[in-house]
């Protein structure tokens, strides 16, 4: 699960990833009522390893990796 600060950040990240062909599909964006955090899951293709996706996302300041991304259970 990918968590970002704000809906617009989530939309922008999904657009960026889709242009880079990093993922094949994503679940709907879910925004928490108690905070500005929004989350979504991506199913990425075989050309990218979980480690590569985690490294890419963790380098982005607005991204917080969910427990499944940290543990390697993202698919």
PDB file of N, CA and C in Angstrom:
ATOM      1  N   UNK A   1       0.847  -1.172   0.000  1.00  0.00           N
ATOM      2  CA  UNK A   1       0.000   0.000   0.000  1.00  0.00           C
ATOM      3  C   UNK A   1       0.893   1.236   0.000  1.00  0.00           C
ATOM      4  N   UNK A   2       0.533   2.190  -0.817  1.00  0.00           N
ATOM      5  CA  UNK A   2       1.242   3.458  -0.882  1.00  0.00           C
ATOM      6  C   UNK A   2       0.371   4.501  -0.203  1.00  0.00           C
ATOM      7  N   UNK A   3       0.957   5.287   0.684  1.00  0.00           N
ATOM      8  CA  UNK A   3       0.231   6.344   1.387  1.00  0.00           C
ATOM      9  C   UNK A   3       0.923   7.662   1.078  1.00  0.00           C
ATOM     10  N   UNK A   4       0.126   8.657   0.708  1.00  0.00           N
ATOM     11  CA  UNK A   4       0.668   9.982   0.416  1.00  0.00           C
ATOM     12  C   UNK A   4      -0.126  11.036   1.159  1.00  0.00           C
ATOM     13  N   UNK A   5       0.426  12.215   1.245  1.00  0.00           N
ATOM     14  CA  UNK A   5      -0.212  13.318   1.944  1.00  0.00           C
ATOM     15  C   UNK A   5      -1.096  14.082   0.970  1.00  0.00           C
ATOM     16  N   UNK A   6      -2.382  13.778   0.979  1.00  0.00           N
ATOM     17  CA  UNK A   6      -3.345  14.506   0.169  1.00  0.00           C
ATOM     18  C   UNK A   6      -3.768  13.793  -1.104  1.00  0.00           C
ATOM     19  N   UNK A   7      -5.012  14.042  -1.493  1.00  0.00           N
ATOM     20  CA  UNK A   7      -5.594  13.417  -2.670  1.00  0.00           C
ATOM     21  C   UNK A   7      -4.847  13.815  -3.940  1.00  0.00           C
ATOM     22  N   UNK A   8      -4.523  15.099  -4.075  1.00  0.00           N
ATOM     23  CA  UNK A   8      -3.830  15.558  -5.275  1.00  0.00           C
ATOM     24  C   UNK A   8      -2.460  14.890  -5.416  1.00  0.00           C
ATOM     25  N   UNK A   9      -1.784  14.651  -4.296  1.00  0.00           N
ATOM     26  CA  UNK A   9      -0.495  13.951  -4.340  1.00  0.00           C
ATOM     27  C   UNK A   9      -0.680  12.519  -4.820  1.00  0.00           C
ATOM     28  N   UNK A  10      -1.757  11.871  -4.379  1.00  0.00           N
ATOM     29  CA  UNK A  10      -2.040  10.496  -4.812  1.00  0.00           C
ATOM     30  C   UNK A  10      -2.313  10.448  -6.312  1.00  0.00           C
ATOM     31  N   UNK A  11      -3.123  11.356  -6.797  1.00  0.00           N
ATOM     32  CA  UNK A  11      -3.441  11.407  -8.223  1.00  0.00           C
ATOM     33  C   UNK A  11      -2.170  11.674  -9.036  1.00  0.00           C
ATOM     34  N   UNK A  12      -1.357  12.608  -8.572  1.00  0.00           N
ATOM     35  CA  UNK A  12      -0.116  12.935  -9.282  1.00  0.00           C
ATOM     36  C   UNK A  12       0.843  11.746  -9.300  1.00  0.00           C
ATOM     37  N   UNK A  13       0.950  11.024  -8.191  1.00  0.00           N
ATOM     38  CA  UNK A  13       1.838   9.870  -8.132  1.00  0.00           C
ATOM     39  C   UNK A  13       1.356   8.755  -9.055  1.00  0.00           C
ATOM     40  N   UNK A  14       0.066   8.496  -9.078  1.00  0.00           N
ATOM     41  CA  UNK A  14      -0.482   7.477  -9.978  1.00  0.00           C
ATOM     42  C   UNK A  14      -0.207   7.861 -11.434  1.00  0.00           C
ATOM     43  N   UNK A  15      -0.390   9.131 -11.780  1.00  0.00           N
ATOM     44  CA  UNK A  15      -0.116   9.591 -13.151  1.00  0.00           C
ATOM     45  C   UNK A  15       1.363   9.419 -13.490  1.00  0.00           C
ATOM     46  N   UNK A  16       2.234   9.763 -12.560  1.00  0.00           N
ATOM     47  CA  UNK A  16       3.673   9.624 -12.775  1.00  0.00           C
ATOM     48  C   UNK A  16       4.050   8.161 -12.988  1.00  0.00           C
ATOM     49  N   UNK A  17       3.554   7.287 -12.151  1.00  0.00           N
ATOM     50  CA  UNK A  17       3.858   5.862 -12.272  1.00  0.00           C
ATOM     51  C   UNK A  17       3.292   5.279 -13.562  1.00  0.00           C
ATOM     52  N   UNK A  18       2.089   5.711 -13.953  1.00  0.00           N
ATOM     53  CA  UNK A  18       1.494   5.162 -15.172  1.00  0.00           C
ATOM     54  C   UNK A  18       2.267   5.598 -16.413  1.00  0.00           C
ATOM     55  N   UNK A  19       2.780   6.823 -16.408  1.00  0.00           N
ATOM     56  CA  UNK A  19       3.599   7.281 -17.536  1.00  0.00           C
ATOM     57  C   UNK A  19       4.913   6.505 -17.614  1.00  0.00           C
ATOM     58  N   UNK A  20       5.409   6.067 -16.469  1.00  0.00           N
ATOM     59  CA  UNK A  20       6.663   5.320 -16.430  1.00  0.00           C
ATOM     60  C   UNK A  20       6.427   3.818 -16.631  1.00  0.00           C
ATOM     61  N   UNK A  21       5.177   3.400 -16.794  1.00  0.00           N
ATOM     62  CA  UNK A  21       4.806   2.001 -16.959  1.00  0.00           C
ATOM     63  C   UNK A  21       5.269   1.137 -15.793  1.00  0.00           C
ATOM     64  N   UNK A  22       5.275   1.697 -14.617  1.00  0.00           N
ATOM     65  CA  UNK A  22       5.713   0.971 -13.433  1.00  0.00           C
ATOM     66  C   UNK A  22       4.645   0.008 -12.950  1.00  0.00           C
ATOM     67  N   UNK A  23       3.374   0.354 -13.118  1.00  0.00           N
ATOM     68  CA  UNK A  23       2.327  -0.533 -12.618  1.00  0.00           C
ATOM     69  C   UNK A  23       1.292  -0.803 -13.701  1.00  0.00           C
ATOM     70  N   UNK A  24       0.545  -1.888 -13.520  1.00  0.00           N
ATOM     71  CA  UNK A  24      -0.458  -2.257 -14.514  1.00  0.00           C
ATOM     72  C   UNK A  24      -1.857  -1.804 -14.119  1.00  0.00           C
ATOM     73  N   UNK A  25      -2.186  -1.828 -12.837  1.00  0.00           N
ATOM     74  CA  UNK A  25      -3.494  -1.370 -12.357  1.00  0.00           C
ATOM     75  C   UNK A  25      -3.334  -0.803 -10.957  1.00  0.00           C
ATOM     76  N   UNK A  26      -4.325  -0.052 -10.522  1.00  0.00           N
ATOM     77  CA  UNK A  26      -4.331   0.415  -9.139  1.00  0.00           C
ATOM     78  C   UNK A  26      -5.745   0.328  -8.590  1.00  0.00           C
ATOM     79  N   UNK A  27      -5.829   0.155  -7.279  1.00  0.00           N
ATOM     80  CA  UNK A  27      -7.127   0.183  -6.608  1.00  0.00           C
ATOM     81  C   UNK A  27      -7.526   1.642  -6.429  1.00  0.00           C
ATOM     82  N   UNK A  28      -8.788   1.896  -6.128  1.00  0.00           N
ATOM     83  CA  UNK A  28      -9.227   3.276  -5.911  1.00  0.00           C
ATOM     84  C   UNK A  28      -8.451   3.938  -4.767  1.00  0.00           C
ATOM     85  N   UNK A  29      -8.326   5.245  -4.842  1.00  0.00           N
ATOM     86  CA  UNK A  29      -7.665   6.023  -3.786  1.00  0.00           C
ATOM     87  C   UNK A  29      -8.615   6.119  -2.604  1.00  0.00           C
ATOM     88  N   UNK A  30      -8.106   5.840  -1.421  1.00  0.00           N
ATOM     89  CA  UNK A  30      -8.894   5.930  -0.189  1.00  0.00           C
ATOM     90  C   UNK A  30      -8.277   7.018   0.681  1.00  0.00           C
ATOM     91  N   UNK A  31      -9.075   8.011   1.067  1.00  0.00           N
ATOM     92  CA  UNK A  31      -8.580   9.100   1.902  1.00  0.00           C
ATOM     93  C   UNK A  31      -9.143   8.971   3.313  1.00  0.00           C
ATOM     94  N   UNK A  32      -8.266   9.112   4.300  1.00  0.00           N
ATOM     95  CA  UNK A  32      -8.664   9.024   5.702  1.00  0.00           C
ATOM     96  C   UNK A  32      -9.389  10.295   6.111  1.00  0.00           C
ATOM     97  N   UNK A  33     -10.393  10.154   6.923  1.00  0.00           N
ATOM     98  CA  UNK A  33     -11.139  11.323   7.379  1.00  0.00           C
ATOM     99  C   UNK A  33     -10.391  12.092   8.460  1.00  0.00           C
ATOM    100  N   UNK A  34      -9.605  11.390   9.261  1.00  0.00           N
ATOM    101  CA  UNK A  34      -8.927  12.025  10.390  1.00  0.00           C
ATOM    102  C   UNK A  34      -7.618  12.718  10.003  1.00  0.00           C
ATOM    103  N   UNK A  35      -7.160  12.514   8.775  1.00  0.00           N
ATOM    104  CA  UNK A  35      -5.907  13.142   8.336  1.00  0.00           C
ATOM    105  C   UNK A  35      -5.992  13.430   6.845  1.00  0.00           C
ATOM    106  N   UNK A  36      -4.935  13.978   6.322  1.00  0.00           N
ATOM    107  CA  UNK A  36      -4.876  14.249   4.889  1.00  0.00           C
ATOM    108  C   UNK A  36      -4.283  13.090   4.109  1.00  0.00           C
ATOM    109  N   UNK A  37      -4.006  11.979   4.777  1.00  0.00           N
ATOM    110  CA  UNK A  37      -3.362  10.848   4.110  1.00  0.00           C
ATOM    111  C   UNK A  37      -4.339  10.093   3.221  1.00  0.00           C
ATOM    112  N   UNK A  38      -3.876   9.773   2.027  1.00  0.00           N
ATOM    113  CA  UNK A  38      -4.636   8.967   1.079  1.00  0.00           C
ATOM    114  C   UNK A  38      -3.781   7.754   0.716  1.00  0.00           C
ATOM    115  N   UNK A  39      -4.436   6.631   0.453  1.00  0.00           N
ATOM    116  CA  UNK A  39      -3.687   5.420   0.135  1.00  0.00           C
ATOM    117  C   UNK A  39      -4.270   4.733  -1.089  1.00  0.00           C
ATOM    118  N   UNK A  40      -3.418   3.925  -1.720  1.00  0.00           N
ATOM    119  CA  UNK A  40      -3.848   3.096  -2.836  1.00  0.00           C
ATOM    120  C   UNK A  40      -2.854   1.971  -2.997  1.00  0.00           C
ATOM    121  N   UNK A  41      -3.264   0.933  -3.681  1.00  0.00           N
ATOM    122  CA  UNK A  41      -2.392  -0.195  -3.976  1.00  0.00           C
ATOM    123  C   UNK A  41      -2.158  -0.244  -5.480  1.00  0.00           C
ATOM    124  N   UNK A  42      -0.971  -0.662  -5.863  1.00  0.00           N
ATOM    125  CA  UNK A  42      -0.653  -0.816  -7.274  1.00  0.00           C
ATOM    126  C   UNK A  42      -0.206  -2.243  -7.533  1.00  0.00           C
ATOM    127  N   UNK A  43      -0.617  -2.773  -8.670  1.00  0.00           N
ATOM    128  CA  UNK A  43      -0.146  -4.082  -9.125  1.00  0.00           C
ATOM    129  C   UNK A  43       0.789  -3.817 -10.291  1.00  0.00           C
ATOM    130  N   UNK A  44       2.071  -4.016 -10.087  1.00  0.00           N
ATOM    131  CA  UNK A  44       3.055  -3.667 -11.093  1.00  0.00           C
ATOM    132  C   UNK A  44       3.497  -4.894 -11.871  1.00  0.00           C
ATOM    133  N   UNK A  45       4.076  -4.672 -13.034  1.00  0.00           N
ATOM    134  CA  UNK A  45       4.452  -5.751 -13.939  1.00  0.00           C
ATOM    135  C   UNK A  45       5.760  -6.434 -13.575  1.00  0.00           C
ATOM    136  N   UNK A  46       6.081  -7.492 -14.311  1.00  0.00           N
ATOM    137  CA  UNK A  46       7.262  -8.291 -14.011  1.00  0.00           C
ATOM    138  C   UNK A  46       8.582  -7.591 -14.316  1.00  0.00           C
ATOM    139  N   UNK A  47       8.566  -6.469 -15.013  1.00  0.00           N
ATOM    140  CA  UNK A  47       9.794  -5.756 -15.334  1.00  0.00           C
ATOM    141  C   UNK A  47      10.356  -4.963 -14.170  1.00  0.00           C
ATOM    142  N   UNK A  48       9.662  -4.972 -13.036  1.00  0.00           N
ATOM    143  CA  UNK A  48      10.071  -4.194 -11.867  1.00  0.00           C
ATOM    144  C   UNK A  48       9.967  -5.078 -10.641  1.00  0.00           C
ATOM    145  N   UNK A  49      11.021  -5.154  -9.865  1.00  0.00           N
ATOM    146  CA  UNK A  49      10.973  -5.948  -8.639  1.00  0.00           C
ATOM    147  C   UNK A  49      10.343  -5.132  -7.515  1.00  0.00           C
ATOM    148  N   UNK A  50       9.917  -5.838  -6.488  1.00  0.00           N
ATOM    149  CA  UNK A  50       9.357  -5.163  -5.314  1.00  0.00           C
ATOM    150  C   UNK A  50      10.402  -4.227  -4.708  1.00  0.00           C
ATOM    151  N   UNK A  51      11.634  -4.681  -4.649  1.00  0.00           N
ATOM    152  CA  UNK A  51      12.711  -3.863  -4.077  1.00  0.00           C
ATOM    153  C   UNK A  51      12.898  -2.575  -4.880  1.00  0.00           C
ATOM    154  N   UNK A  52      12.853  -2.657  -6.209  1.00  0.00           N
ATOM    155  CA  UNK A  52      13.009  -1.467  -7.051  1.00  0.00           C
ATOM    156  C   UNK A  52      11.854  -0.487  -6.839  1.00  0.00           C
ATOM    157  N   UNK A  53      10.631  -1.014  -6.764  1.00  0.00           N
ATOM    158  CA  UNK A  53       9.470  -0.146  -6.528  1.00  0.00           C
ATOM    159  C   UNK A  53       9.580   0.516  -5.164  1.00  0.00           C
ATOM    160  N   UNK A  54       9.949  -0.250  -4.154  1.00  0.00           N
ATOM    161  CA  UNK A  54      10.099   0.286  -2.792  1.00  0.00           C
ATOM    162  C   UNK A  54      11.171   1.379  -2.772  1.00  0.00           C
ATOM    163  N   UNK A  55      12.291   1.155  -3.458  1.00  0.00           N
ATOM    164  CA  UNK A  55      13.358   2.155  -3.509  1.00  0.00           C
ATOM    165  C   UNK A  55      12.880   3.423  -4.206  1.00  0.00           C
ATOM    166  N   UNK A  56      12.177   3.270  -5.318  1.00  0.00           N
ATOM    167  CA  UNK A  56      11.646   4.410  -6.049  1.00  0.00           C
ATOM    168  C   UNK A  56      10.688   5.224  -5.179  1.00  0.00           C
ATOM    169  N   UNK A  57       9.740   4.548  -4.555  1.00  0.00           N
ATOM    170  CA  UNK A  57       8.737   5.249  -3.760  1.00  0.00           C
ATOM    171  C   UNK A  57       9.312   5.858  -2.489  1.00  0.00           C
ATOM    172  N   UNK A  58      10.243   5.168  -1.848  1.00  0.00           N
ATOM    173  CA  UNK A  58      10.788   5.683  -0.590  1.00  0.00           C
ATOM    174  C   UNK A  58      11.660   6.917  -0.802  1.00  0.00           C
ATOM    175  N   UNK A  59      12.099   7.162  -2.034  1.00  0.00           N
ATOM    176  CA  UNK A  59      12.890   8.359  -2.319  1.00  0.00           C
ATOM    177  C   UNK A  59      12.021   9.602  -2.483  1.00  0.00           C
ATOM    178  N   UNK A  60      10.704   9.426  -2.528  1.00  0.00           N
ATOM    179  CA  UNK A  60       9.781  10.552  -2.709  1.00  0.00           C
ATOM    180  C   UNK A  60       9.334  11.054  -1.343  1.00  0.00           C
ATOM    181  N   UNK A  61       9.537  12.347  -1.064  1.00  0.00           N
ATOM    182  CA  UNK A  61       9.249  12.870   0.275  1.00  0.00           C
ATOM    183  C   UNK A  61       7.788  12.798   0.698  1.00  0.00           C
ATOM    184  N   UNK A  62       6.855  12.808  -0.231  1.00  0.00           N
ATOM    185  CA  UNK A  62       5.433  12.804   0.157  1.00  0.00           C
ATOM    186  C   UNK A  62       4.876  11.394   0.329  1.00  0.00           C
ATOM    187  N   UNK A  63       5.703  10.371   0.115  1.00  0.00           N
ATOM    188  CA  UNK A  63       5.229   8.990   0.151  1.00  0.00           C
ATOM    189  C   UNK A  63       5.606   8.322   1.466  1.00  0.00           C
ATOM    190  N   UNK A  64       4.627   7.634   2.060  1.00  0.00           N
ATOM    191  CA  UNK A  64       4.835   6.815   3.247  1.00  0.00           C
ATOM    192  C   UNK A  64       4.502   5.392   2.831  1.00  0.00           C
ATOM    193  N   UNK A  65       5.428   4.478   2.979  1.00  0.00           N
ATOM    194  CA  UNK A  65       5.168   3.108   2.562  1.00  0.00           C
ATOM    195  C   UNK A  65       4.340   2.380   3.600  1.00  0.00           C
ATOM    196  N   UNK A  66       3.295   1.681   3.138  1.00  0.00           N
ATOM    197  CA  UNK A  66       2.471   0.874   4.022  1.00  0.00           C
ATOM    198  C   UNK A  66       3.219  -0.368   4.462  1.00  0.00           C
ATOM    199  N   UNK A  67       2.697  -1.058   5.462  1.00  0.00           N
ATOM    200  CA  UNK A  67       3.361  -2.239   6.023  1.00  0.00           C
ATOM    201  C   UNK A  67       3.587  -3.312   4.971  1.00  0.00           C
ATOM    202  N   UNK A  68       2.655  -3.484   4.027  1.00  0.00           N
ATOM    203  CA  UNK A  68       2.834  -4.522   3.008  1.00  0.00           C
ATOM    204  C   UNK A  68       3.986  -4.168   2.052  1.00  0.00           C
ATOM    205  N   UNK A  69       4.220  -2.887   1.799  1.00  0.00           N
ATOM    206  CA  UNK A  69       5.364  -2.485   0.969  1.00  0.00           C
ATOM    207  C   UNK A  69       6.671  -2.708   1.726  1.00  0.00           C
ATOM    208  N   UNK A  70       6.672  -2.433   3.001  1.00  0.00           N
ATOM    209  CA  UNK A  70       7.869  -2.606   3.805  1.00  0.00           C
ATOM    210  C   UNK A  70       8.233  -4.081   3.932  1.00  0.00           C
ATOM    211  N   UNK A  71       7.225  -4.935   4.057  1.00  0.00           N
ATOM    212  CA  UNK A  71       7.484  -6.350   4.301  1.00  0.00           C
ATOM    213  C   UNK A  71       7.737  -7.136   3.023  1.00  0.00           C
ATOM    214  N   UNK A  72       7.378  -6.573   1.889  1.00  0.00           N
ATOM    215  CA  UNK A  72       7.581  -7.300   0.634  1.00  0.00           C
ATOM    216  C   UNK A  72       6.340  -8.008   0.152  1.00  0.00           C
ATOM    217  N   UNK A  73       5.174  -7.698   0.706  1.00  0.00           N
ATOM    218  CA  UNK A  73       3.920  -8.335   0.348  1.00  0.00           C
ATOM    219  C   UNK A  73       3.070  -7.498  -0.586  1.00  0.00           C
ATOM    220  N   UNK A  74       3.658  -6.644  -1.381  1.00  0.00           N
ATOM    221  CA  UNK A  74       2.895  -5.660  -2.147  1.00  0.00           C
ATOM    222  C   UNK A  74       2.095  -6.232  -3.301  1.00  0.00           C
ATOM    223  N   UNK A  75       2.448  -7.344  -3.826  1.00  0.00           N
ATOM    224  CA  UNK A  75       1.694  -7.884  -4.953  1.00  0.00           C
ATOM    225  C   UNK A  75       0.453  -8.471  -4.418  1.00  0.00           C
TER     226      UNK A  75
END
